């Protein structure tokens, strides 16, 4: 599942830790999603999409 997470939080000058705090997850979870080692749960995927004001389909393309 491809995702633009690294680019999006980078554009806002947020670290993985900053993003993790905003999402209520660990930095390791953010890293695993970015490196495609972990697919987020649906609630987390929607939370990420909402945070970046993007459709969930745009955030997580197959």
Protein backbone atom coordinates (compact mmCIF):
# COMPACT_ATOMS: atom_id res chain seq x y z
CA UNK A 1 0.00 0.00 0.00
CA UNK A 2 1.72 3.19 -1.17
CA UNK A 3 1.35 6.29 0.97
CA UNK A 4 2.67 9.87 0.93
CA UNK A 5 2.96 10.09 4.72
CA UNK A 6 6.70 10.88 4.86
CA UNK A 7 6.38 13.67 2.29
CA UNK A 8 3.30 15.20 3.92
CA UNK A 9 4.67 15.41 7.43
CA UNK A 10 8.02 16.54 6.03
CA UNK A 11 6.34 19.46 4.24
CA UNK A 12 5.01 20.59 7.62
CA UNK A 13 8.45 20.15 9.25
CA UNK A 14 7.01 17.49 11.55
CA UNK A 15 9.16 14.60 12.69
CA UNK A 16 7.83 11.09 12.93
CA UNK A 17 7.51 11.72 16.68
CA UNK A 18 5.47 14.88 16.06
CA UNK A 19 3.11 13.00 13.77
CA UNK A 20 2.85 10.07 16.16
CA UNK A 21 1.87 12.39 19.00
CA UNK A 22 -0.86 13.99 16.88
CA UNK A 23 -2.20 10.56 15.94
CA UNK A 24 -1.89 9.01 19.39
CA UNK A 25 0.45 6.22 18.23
CA UNK A 26 4.13 5.43 18.67
CA UNK A 27 6.88 6.76 16.44
CA UNK A 28 7.61 3.15 15.53
CA UNK A 29 4.04 2.79 14.20
CA UNK A 30 4.50 5.86 11.98
CA UNK A 31 7.80 4.47 10.72
CA UNK A 32 6.23 1.07 9.98
CA UNK A 33 3.41 2.71 8.00
CA UNK A 34 5.86 4.88 6.04
CA UNK A 35 8.07 1.92 5.17
CA UNK A 36 5.03 -0.19 4.24
CA UNK A 37 5.74 -2.79 6.92
CA UNK A 38 2.37 -2.14 8.52
CA UNK A 39 -1.03 -1.21 7.11
CA UNK A 40 -2.92 1.05 9.51
CA UNK A 41 -6.28 0.02 10.91
CA UNK A 42 -9.26 1.71 9.26
CA UNK A 43 -9.80 4.11 12.19
CA UNK A 44 -6.12 5.12 12.09
CA UNK A 45 -6.18 5.47 8.30
CA UNK A 46 -9.17 7.81 8.53
CA UNK A 47 -7.47 9.77 11.34
CA UNK A 48 -4.37 10.23 9.18
CA UNK A 49 -6.44 11.32 6.18
CA UNK A 50 -8.40 13.79 8.30
CA UNK A 51 -5.20 15.25 9.81
CA UNK A 52 -3.83 15.99 6.34
CA UNK A 53 -7.24 16.93 4.89
CA UNK A 54 -7.00 14.33 2.15
CA UNK A 55 -9.39 11.58 1.08
CA UNK A 56 -8.37 8.26 2.63
CA UNK A 57 -8.21 6.79 -0.89
CA UNK A 58 -5.56 9.37 -1.80
CA UNK A 59 -3.54 8.67 1.33
CA UNK A 60 -3.44 4.90 0.91
CA UNK A 61 -3.29 3.74 -2.69
CA UNK A 62 -2.89 0.08 -3.52
